[in-house]
Amino acid sequence: MEWFKKRASSAVLPLENQALIADIRRAEQEWKNAEWRFQHALGEDHVDYAIFCLEAAEKKLGMLLKQAKGKWGESADFVKEVREAK
């Protein structure tokens, strides 16, 4: 039964990895949207709001990338998993 426990726990890991990759992709899209919002801001209030959104999106993306780097390190495993998740 030991092999079953190992197999069950390893099956959960790819789901966690997929979730992290999906979060990174969403955060990257949020960053792109915030950058577009900043580039197309019309008034002073819009610019302030766009800057706020852009800074928040950059922090979120940075946090997730740091989490991924801690999980996978500098290895090519991360790149491989991202490509497989597409």
PDB file of N, CA and C in Angstrom:
ATOM      1  N   MET A   1       0.806  -1.198   0.000  1.00  0.00           N
ATOM      2  CA  MET A   1       0.000   0.000   0.000  1.00  0.00           C
ATOM      3  C   MET A   1       0.853   1.267   0.000  1.00  0.00           C
ATOM      4  N   GLU A   2       2.108   1.143   0.297  1.00  0.00           N
ATOM      5  CA  GLU A   2       2.992   2.311   0.301  1.00  0.00           C
ATOM      6  C   GLU A   2       3.090   2.934  -1.087  1.00  0.00           C
ATOM      7  N   TRP A   3       3.136   2.110  -2.120  1.00  0.00           N
ATOM      8  CA  TRP A   3       3.228   2.637  -3.480  1.00  0.00           C
ATOM      9  C   TRP A   3       1.993   3.448  -3.842  1.00  0.00           C
ATOM     10  N   PHE A   4       0.839   3.038  -3.316  1.00  0.00           N
ATOM     11  CA  PHE A   4      -0.397   3.763  -3.601  1.00  0.00           C
ATOM     12  C   PHE A   4      -0.373   5.159  -2.979  1.00  0.00           C
ATOM     13  N   LYS A   5       0.146   5.260  -1.755  1.00  0.00           N
ATOM     14  CA  LYS A   5       0.234   6.561  -1.088  1.00  0.00           C
ATOM     15  C   LYS A   5       1.159   7.493  -1.851  1.00  0.00           C
ATOM     16  N   LYS A   6       2.296   6.956  -2.299  1.00  0.00           N
ATOM     17  CA  LYS A   6       3.236   7.775  -3.062  1.00  0.00           C
ATOM     18  C   LYS A   6       2.597   8.239  -4.366  1.00  0.00           C
ATOM     19  N   ARG A   7       1.905   7.335  -5.017  1.00  0.00           N
ATOM     20  CA  ARG A   7       1.277   7.663  -6.291  1.00  0.00           C
ATOM     21  C   ARG A   7       0.162   8.690  -6.102  1.00  0.00           C
ATOM     22  N   ALA A   8      -0.614   8.547  -5.050  1.00  0.00           N
ATOM     23  CA  ALA A   8      -1.702   9.485  -4.789  1.00  0.00           C
ATOM     24  C   ALA A   8      -1.164  10.874  -4.478  1.00  0.00           C
ATOM     25  N   SER A   9      -0.105  10.956  -3.693  1.00  0.00           N
ATOM     26  CA  SER A   9       0.438  12.271  -3.356  1.00  0.00           C
ATOM     27  C   SER A   9       1.109  12.919  -4.557  1.00  0.00           C
ATOM     28  N   SER A  10       1.712  12.120  -5.438  1.00  0.00           N
ATOM     29  CA  SER A  10       2.344  12.703  -6.619  1.00  0.00           C
ATOM     30  C   SER A  10       1.304  13.140  -7.648  1.00  0.00           C
ATOM     31  N   ALA A  11       0.105  12.564  -7.595  1.00  0.00           N
ATOM     32  CA  ALA A  11      -0.947  12.960  -8.522  1.00  0.00           C
ATOM     33  C   ALA A  11      -1.498  14.340  -8.172  1.00  0.00           C
ATOM     34  N   VAL A  12      -1.410  14.736  -6.913  1.00  0.00           N
ATOM     35  CA  VAL A  12      -1.904  16.039  -6.489  1.00  0.00           C
ATOM     36  C   VAL A  12      -0.961  17.143  -6.943  1.00  0.00           C
ATOM     37  N   LEU A  13       0.309  16.882  -6.966  1.00  0.00           N
ATOM     38  CA  LEU A  13       1.303  17.898  -7.304  1.00  0.00           C
ATOM     39  C   LEU A  13       1.082  18.511  -8.679  1.00  0.00           C
ATOM     40  N   PRO A  14       0.838  17.725  -9.717  1.00  0.00           N
ATOM     41  CA  PRO A  14       0.605  18.366 -11.011  1.00  0.00           C
ATOM     42  C   PRO A  14      -0.602  19.310 -11.007  1.00  0.00           C
ATOM     43  N   LEU A  15      -1.635  19.009 -10.237  1.00  0.00           N
ATOM     44  CA  LEU A  15      -2.778  19.910 -10.152  1.00  0.00           C
ATOM     45  C   LEU A  15      -2.377  21.229  -9.504  1.00  0.00           C
ATOM     46  N   GLU A  16      -1.530  21.156  -8.474  1.00  0.00           N
ATOM     47  CA  GLU A  16      -1.032  22.376  -7.836  1.00  0.00           C
ATOM     48  C   GLU A  16      -0.190  23.173  -8.826  1.00  0.00           C
ATOM     49  N   ASN A  17       0.633  22.452  -9.583  1.00  0.00           N
ATOM     50  CA  ASN A  17       1.471  23.121 -10.580  1.00  0.00           C
ATOM     51  C   ASN A  17       0.612  23.781 -11.649  1.00  0.00           C
ATOM     52  N   GLN A  18      -0.405  23.080 -12.105  1.00  0.00           N
ATOM     53  CA  GLN A  18      -1.293  23.641 -13.123  1.00  0.00           C
ATOM     54  C   GLN A  18      -2.009  24.874 -12.597  1.00  0.00           C
ATOM     55  N   ALA A  19      -2.407  24.828 -11.331  1.00  0.00           N
ATOM     56  CA  ALA A  19      -3.086  25.981 -10.739  1.00  0.00           C
ATOM     57  C   ALA A  19      -2.151  27.180 -10.664  1.00  0.00           C
ATOM     58  N   LEU A  20      -0.903  26.945 -10.282  1.00  0.00           N
ATOM     59  CA  LEU A  20       0.064  28.037 -10.204  1.00  0.00           C
ATOM     60  C   LEU A  20       0.345  28.614 -11.588  1.00  0.00           C
ATOM     61  N   ILE A  21       0.480  27.749 -12.567  1.00  0.00           N
ATOM     62  CA  ILE A  21       0.712  28.211 -13.941  1.00  0.00           C
ATOM     63  C   ILE A  21      -0.484  29.026 -14.433  1.00  0.00           C
ATOM     64  N   ALA A  22      -1.688  28.563 -14.136  1.00  0.00           N
ATOM     65  CA  ALA A  22      -2.891  29.306 -14.538  1.00  0.00           C
ATOM     66  C   ALA A  22      -2.953  30.659 -13.836  1.00  0.00           C
ATOM     67  N   ASP A  23      -2.575  30.695 -12.560  1.00  0.00           N
ATOM     68  CA  ASP A  23      -2.554  31.967 -11.830  1.00  0.00           C
ATOM     69  C   ASP A  23      -1.550  32.932 -12.438  1.00  0.00           C
ATOM     70  N   ILE A  24      -0.392  32.414 -12.844  1.00  0.00           N
ATOM     71  CA  ILE A  24       0.631  33.256 -13.471  1.00  0.00           C
ATOM     72  C   ILE A  24       0.116  33.812 -14.789  1.00  0.00           C
ATOM     73  N   ARG A  25      -0.535  32.985 -15.568  1.00  0.00           N
ATOM     74  CA  ARG A  25      -1.084  33.458 -16.850  1.00  0.00           C
ATOM     75  C   ARG A  25      -2.155  34.529 -16.648  1.00  0.00           C
ATOM     76  N   ARG A  26      -3.023  34.324 -15.651  1.00  0.00           N
ATOM     77  CA  ARG A  26      -4.056  35.329 -15.363  1.00  0.00           C
ATOM     78  C   ARG A  26      -3.420  36.638 -14.892  1.00  0.00           C
ATOM     79  N   ALA A  27      -2.407  36.524 -14.040  1.00  0.00           N
ATOM     80  CA  ALA A  27      -1.730  37.726 -13.545  1.00  0.00           C
ATOM     81  C   ALA A  27      -1.018  38.455 -14.676  1.00  0.00           C
ATOM     82  N   GLU A  28      -0.453  37.699 -15.606  1.00  0.00           N
ATOM     83  CA  GLU A  28       0.199  38.330 -16.755  1.00  0.00           C
ATOM     84  C   GLU A  28      -0.825  39.073 -17.610  1.00  0.00           C
ATOM     85  N   GLN A  29      -1.996  38.490 -17.791  1.00  0.00           N
ATOM     86  CA  GLN A  29      -3.051  39.153 -18.562  1.00  0.00           C
ATOM     87  C   GLN A  29      -3.549  40.399 -17.830  1.00  0.00           C
ATOM     88  N   GLU A  30      -3.681  40.315 -16.505  1.00  0.00           N
ATOM     89  CA  GLU A  30      -4.078  41.484 -15.723  1.00  0.00           C
ATOM     90  C   GLU A  30      -3.048  42.599 -15.874  1.00  0.00           C
ATOM     91  N   TRP A  31      -1.771  42.240 -15.889  1.00  0.00           N
ATOM     92  CA  TRP A  31      -0.707  43.228 -16.057  1.00  0.00           C
ATOM     93  C   TRP A  31      -0.802  43.883 -17.437  1.00  0.00           C
ATOM     94  N   LYS A  32      -1.042  43.076 -18.466  1.00  0.00           N
ATOM     95  CA  LYS A  32      -1.192  43.625 -19.817  1.00  0.00           C
ATOM     96  C   LYS A  32      -2.392  44.569 -19.894  1.00  0.00           C
ATOM     97  N   ASN A  33      -3.495  44.179 -19.254  1.00  0.00           N
ATOM     98  CA  ASN A  33      -4.680  45.038 -19.238  1.00  0.00           C
ATOM     99  C   ASN A  33      -4.401  46.348 -18.503  1.00  0.00           C
ATOM    100  N   ALA A  34      -3.693  46.263 -17.389  1.00  0.00           N
ATOM    101  CA  ALA A  34      -3.365  47.469 -16.625  1.00  0.00           C
ATOM    102  C   ALA A  34      -2.429  48.375 -17.417  1.00  0.00           C
ATOM    103  N   GLU A  35      -1.502  47.769 -18.142  1.00  0.00           N
ATOM    104  CA  GLU A  35      -0.594  48.557 -18.973  1.00  0.00           C
ATOM    105  C   GLU A  35      -1.374  49.265 -20.087  1.00  0.00           C
ATOM    106  N   TRP A  36      -2.322  48.568 -20.704  1.00  0.00           N
ATOM    107  CA  TRP A  36      -3.162  49.176 -21.739  1.00  0.00           C
ATOM    108  C   TRP A  36      -3.982  50.324 -21.147  1.00  0.00           C
ATOM    109  N   ARG A  37      -4.539  50.078 -19.949  1.00  0.00           N
ATOM    110  CA  ARG A  37      -5.343  51.105 -19.282  1.00  0.00           C
ATOM    111  C   ARG A  37      -4.498  52.356 -19.027  1.00  0.00           C
ATOM    112  N   PHE A  38      -3.239  52.157 -18.638  1.00  0.00           N
ATOM    113  CA  PHE A  38      -2.349  53.294 -18.400  1.00  0.00           C
ATOM    114  C   PHE A  38      -2.053  54.041 -19.699  1.00  0.00           C
ATOM    115  N   GLN A  39      -1.788  53.303 -20.761  1.00  0.00           N
ATOM    116  CA  GLN A  39      -1.462  53.928 -22.044  1.00  0.00           C
ATOM    117  C   GLN A  39      -2.642  54.715 -22.622  1.00  0.00           C
ATOM    118  N   HIS A  40      -3.856  54.323 -22.265  1.00  0.00           N
ATOM    119  CA  HIS A  40      -5.046  54.952 -22.836  1.00  0.00           C
ATOM    120  C   HIS A  40      -5.822  55.794 -21.818  1.00  0.00           C
ATOM    121  N   ALA A  41      -5.193  56.125 -20.702  1.00  0.00           N
ATOM    122  CA  ALA A  41      -5.856  56.948 -19.688  1.00  0.00           C
ATOM    123  C   ALA A  41      -6.042  58.370 -20.214  1.00  0.00           C
ATOM    124  N   LEU A  42      -7.190  58.949 -19.929  1.00  0.00           N
ATOM    125  CA  LEU A  42      -7.516  60.268 -20.472  1.00  0.00           C
ATOM    126  C   LEU A  42      -7.310  61.401 -19.467  1.00  0.00           C
ATOM    127  N   GLY A  43      -7.814  61.257 -18.286  1.00  0.00           N
ATOM    128  CA  GLY A  43      -7.726  62.334 -17.306  1.00  0.00           C
ATOM    129  C   GLY A  43      -6.794  61.984 -16.163  1.00  0.00           C
ATOM    130  N   GLU A  44      -6.607  62.963 -15.284  1.00  0.00           N
ATOM    131  CA  GLU A  44      -5.705  62.771 -14.148  1.00  0.00           C
ATOM    132  C   GLU A  44      -6.166  61.627 -13.245  1.00  0.00           C
ATOM    133  N   ASP A  45      -7.465  61.560 -12.992  1.00  0.00           N
ATOM    134  CA  ASP A  45      -7.995  60.478 -12.160  1.00  0.00           C
ATOM    135  C   ASP A  45      -7.798  59.121 -12.825  1.00  0.00           C
ATOM    136  N   HIS A  46      -7.986  59.077 -14.126  1.00  0.00           N
ATOM    137  CA  HIS A  46      -7.780  57.819 -14.857  1.00  0.00           C
ATOM    138  C   HIS A  46      -6.319  57.393 -14.799  1.00  0.00           C
ATOM    139  N   VAL A  47      -5.425  58.350 -14.907  1.00  0.00           N
ATOM    140  CA  VAL A  47      -3.991  58.039 -14.833  1.00  0.00           C
ATOM    141  C   VAL A  47      -3.647  57.503 -13.449  1.00  0.00           C
ATOM    142  N   ASP A  48      -4.164  58.153 -12.400  1.00  0.00           N
ATOM    143  CA  ASP A  48      -3.900  57.688 -11.035  1.00  0.00           C
ATOM    144  C   ASP A  48      -4.407  56.265 -10.833  1.00  0.00           C
ATOM    145  N   TYR A  49      -5.629  56.010 -11.305  1.00  0.00           N
ATOM    146  CA  TYR A  49      -6.204  54.673 -11.179  1.00  0.00           C
ATOM    147  C   TYR A  49      -5.401  53.654 -11.987  1.00  0.00           C
ATOM    148  N   ALA A  50      -4.982  54.034 -13.175  1.00  0.00           N
ATOM    149  CA  ALA A  50      -4.200  53.133 -14.027  1.00  0.00           C
ATOM    150  C   ALA A  50      -2.860  52.803 -13.380  1.00  0.00           C
ATOM    151  N   ILE A  51      -2.231  53.789 -12.764  1.00  0.00           N
ATOM    152  CA  ILE A  51      -0.959  53.546 -12.073  1.00  0.00           C
ATOM    153  C   ILE A  51      -1.169  52.590 -10.908  1.00  0.00           C
ATOM    154  N   PHE A  52      -2.236  52.809 -10.150  1.00  0.00           N
ATOM    155  CA  PHE A  52      -2.559  51.917  -9.037  1.00  0.00           C
ATOM    156  C   PHE A  52      -2.747  50.483  -9.527  1.00  0.00           C
ATOM    157  N   CYS A  53      -3.518  50.313 -10.592  1.00  0.00           N
ATOM    158  CA  CYS A  53      -3.764  48.973 -11.150  1.00  0.00           C
ATOM    159  C   CYS A  53      -2.479  48.345 -11.673  1.00  0.00           C
ATOM    160  N   LEU A  54      -1.656  49.131 -12.324  1.00  0.00           N
ATOM    161  CA  LEU A  54      -0.408  48.626 -12.882  1.00  0.00           C
ATOM    162  C   LEU A  54       0.536  48.171 -11.778  1.00  0.00           C
ATOM    163  N   GLU A  55       0.665  48.969 -10.721  1.00  0.00           N
ATOM    164  CA  GLU A  55       1.527  48.582  -9.607  1.00  0.00           C
ATOM    165  C   GLU A  55       1.017  47.320  -8.921  1.00  0.00           C
ATOM    166  N   ALA A  56      -0.295  47.228  -8.733  1.00  0.00           N
ATOM    167  CA  ALA A  56      -0.874  46.041  -8.103  1.00  0.00           C
ATOM    168  C   ALA A  56      -0.650  44.800  -8.966  1.00  0.00           C
ATOM    169  N   ALA A  57      -0.830  44.940 -10.266  1.00  0.00           N
ATOM    170  CA  ALA A  57      -0.632  43.808 -11.179  1.00  0.00           C
ATOM    171  C   ALA A  57       0.829  43.372 -11.196  1.00  0.00           C
ATOM    172  N   GLU A  58       1.759  44.334 -11.164  1.00  0.00           N
ATOM    173  CA  GLU A  58       3.183  43.992 -11.142  1.00  0.00           C
ATOM    174  C   GLU A  58       3.548  43.251  -9.865  1.00  0.00           C
ATOM    175  N   LYS A  59       3.011  43.698  -8.735  1.00  0.00           N
ATOM    176  CA  LYS A  59       3.296  43.029  -7.466  1.00  0.00           C
ATOM    177  C   LYS A  59       2.728  41.609  -7.453  1.00  0.00           C
ATOM    178  N   LYS A  60       1.512  41.455  -7.954  1.00  0.00           N
ATOM    179  CA  LYS A  60       0.886  40.132  -7.988  1.00  0.00           C
ATOM    180  C   LYS A  60       1.683  39.182  -8.875  1.00  0.00           C
ATOM    181  N   LEU A  61       2.060  39.647 -10.064  1.00  0.00           N
ATOM    182  CA  LEU A  61       2.827  38.807 -10.981  1.00  0.00           C
ATOM    183  C   LEU A  61       4.185  38.468 -10.380  1.00  0.00           C
ATOM    184  N   GLY A  62       4.835  39.445  -9.772  1.00  0.00           N
ATOM    185  CA  GLY A  62       6.122  39.201  -9.133  1.00  0.00           C
ATOM    186  C   GLY A  62       6.028  38.183  -8.011  1.00  0.00           C
ATOM    187  N   MET A  63       4.965  38.270  -7.214  1.00  0.00           N
ATOM    188  CA  MET A  63       4.757  37.328  -6.119  1.00  0.00           C
ATOM    189  C   MET A  63       4.589  35.904  -6.650  1.00  0.00           C
ATOM    190  N   LEU A  64       3.790  35.756  -7.702  1.00  0.00           N
ATOM    191  CA  LEU A  64       3.552  34.425  -8.266  1.00  0.00           C
ATOM    192  C   LEU A  64       4.810  33.858  -8.919  1.00  0.00           C
ATOM    193  N   LEU A  65       5.572  34.704  -9.606  1.00  0.00           N
ATOM    194  CA  LEU A  65       6.812  34.232 -10.219  1.00  0.00           C
ATOM    195  C   LEU A  65       7.830  33.832  -9.158  1.00  0.00           C
ATOM    196  N   LYS A  66       7.859  34.572  -8.061  1.00  0.00           N
ATOM    197  CA  LYS A  66       8.750  34.219  -6.951  1.00  0.00           C
ATOM    198  C   LYS A  66       8.337  32.877  -6.350  1.00  0.00           C
ATOM    199  N   GLN A  67       7.030  32.671  -6.221  1.00  0.00           N
ATOM    200  CA  GLN A  67       6.515  31.399  -5.713  1.00  0.00           C
ATOM    201  C   GLN A  67       6.902  30.254  -6.652  1.00  0.00           C
ATOM    202  N   ALA A  68       6.778  30.470  -7.952  1.00  0.00           N
ATOM    203  CA  ALA A  68       7.140  29.441  -8.930  1.00  0.00           C
ATOM    204  C   ALA A  68       8.641  29.175  -8.899  1.00  0.00           C
ATOM    205  N   LYS A  69       9.430  30.215  -8.769  1.00  0.00           N
ATOM    206  CA  LYS A  69      10.880  30.047  -8.712  1.00  0.00           C
ATOM    207  C   LYS A  69      11.271  29.257  -7.469  1.00  0.00           C
ATOM    208  N   GLY A  70      10.603  29.516  -6.349  1.00  0.00           N
ATOM    209  CA  GLY A  70      10.871  28.761  -5.134  1.00  0.00           C
ATOM    210  C   GLY A  70      10.479  27.305  -5.269  1.00  0.00           C
ATOM    211  N   LYS A  71       9.446  27.062  -6.032  1.00  0.00           N
ATOM    212  CA  LYS A  71       8.955  25.694  -6.207  1.00  0.00           C
ATOM    213  C   LYS A  71       9.817  24.910  -7.184  1.00  0.00           C
ATOM    214  N   TRP A  72      10.141  25.535  -8.310  1.00  0.00           N
ATOM    215  CA  TRP A  72      10.878  24.833  -9.354  1.00  0.00           C
ATOM    216  C   TRP A  72      12.343  25.230  -9.439  1.00  0.00           C
ATOM    217  N   GLY A  73      12.710  26.326  -8.811  1.00  0.00           N
ATOM    218  CA  GLY A  73      14.092  26.786  -8.883  1.00  0.00           C
ATOM    219  C   GLY A  73      14.428  27.291 -10.272  1.00  0.00           C
ATOM    220  N   GLU A  74      15.682  27.208 -10.602  1.00  0.00           N
ATOM    221  CA  GLU A  74      16.164  27.685 -11.905  1.00  0.00           C
ATOM    222  C   GLU A  74      16.156  26.569 -12.951  1.00  0.00           C
ATOM    223  N   SER A  75      15.482  25.484 -12.657  1.00  0.00           N
ATOM    224  CA  SER A  75      15.514  24.330 -13.552  1.00  0.00           C
ATOM    225  C   SER A  75      14.607  24.521 -14.756  1.00  0.00           C
ATOM    226  N   ALA A  76      14.763  23.649 -15.696  1.00  0.00           N
ATOM    227  CA  ALA A  76      13.938  23.671 -16.904  1.00  0.00           C
ATOM    228  C   ALA A  76      12.602  22.977 -16.671  1.00  0.00           C
ATOM    229  N   ASP A  77      12.393  22.412 -15.475  1.00  0.00           N
ATOM    230  CA  ASP A  77      11.131  21.735 -15.186  1.00  0.00           C
ATOM    231  C   ASP A  77       9.950  22.694 -15.308  1.00  0.00           C
ATOM    232  N   PHE A  78      10.154  23.934 -14.876  1.00  0.00           N
ATOM    233  CA  PHE A  78       9.073  24.911 -14.943  1.00  0.00           C
ATOM    234  C   PHE A  78       8.677  25.170 -16.388  1.00  0.00           C
ATOM    235  N   VAL A  79       9.665  25.385 -17.240  1.00  0.00           N
ATOM    236  CA  VAL A  79       9.388  25.655 -18.654  1.00  0.00           C
ATOM    237  C   VAL A  79       8.685  24.463 -19.279  1.00  0.00           C
ATOM    238  N   LYS A  80       9.138  23.280 -18.940  1.00  0.00           N
ATOM    239  CA  LYS A  80       8.527  22.063 -19.473  1.00  0.00           C
ATOM    240  C   LYS A  80       7.065  21.962 -19.038  1.00  0.00           C
ATOM    241  N   GLU A  81       6.797  22.233 -17.753  1.00  0.00           N
ATOM    242  CA  GLU A  81       5.426  22.128 -17.260  1.00  0.00           C
ATOM    243  C   GLU A  81       4.527  23.201 -17.867  1.00  0.00           C
ATOM    244  N   VAL A  82       5.065  24.386 -18.094  1.00  0.00           N
ATOM    245  CA  VAL A  82       4.271  25.445 -18.720  1.00  0.00           C
ATOM    246  C   VAL A  82       3.902  25.047 -20.137  1.00  0.00           C
ATOM    247  N   ARG A  83       4.851  24.512 -20.868  1.00  0.00           N
ATOM    248  CA  ARG A  83       4.571  24.096 -22.250  1.00  0.00           C
ATOM    249  C   ARG A  83       3.569  22.958 -22.298  1.00  0.00           C
ATOM    250  N   GLU A  84       3.673  22.020 -21.346  1.00  0.00           N
ATOM    251  CA  GLU A  84       2.744  20.897 -21.321  1.00  0.00           C
ATOM    252  C   GLU A  84       1.347  21.342 -20.914  1.00  0.00           C
ATOM    253  N   ALA A  85       1.246  22.415 -20.148  1.00  0.00           N
ATOM    254  CA  ALA A  85      -0.057  22.876 -19.656  1.00  0.00           C
ATOM    255  C   ALA A  85      -0.854  23.620 -20.720  1.00  0.00           C
ATOM    256  N   LYS A  86      -0.235  23.998 -21.815  1.00  0.00           N
ATOM    257  CA  LYS A  86      -0.941  24.754 -22.867  1.00  0.00           C
ATOM    258  C   LYS A  86      -1.997  23.935 -23.550  1.00  0.00           C
TER     259      LYS A  86
END
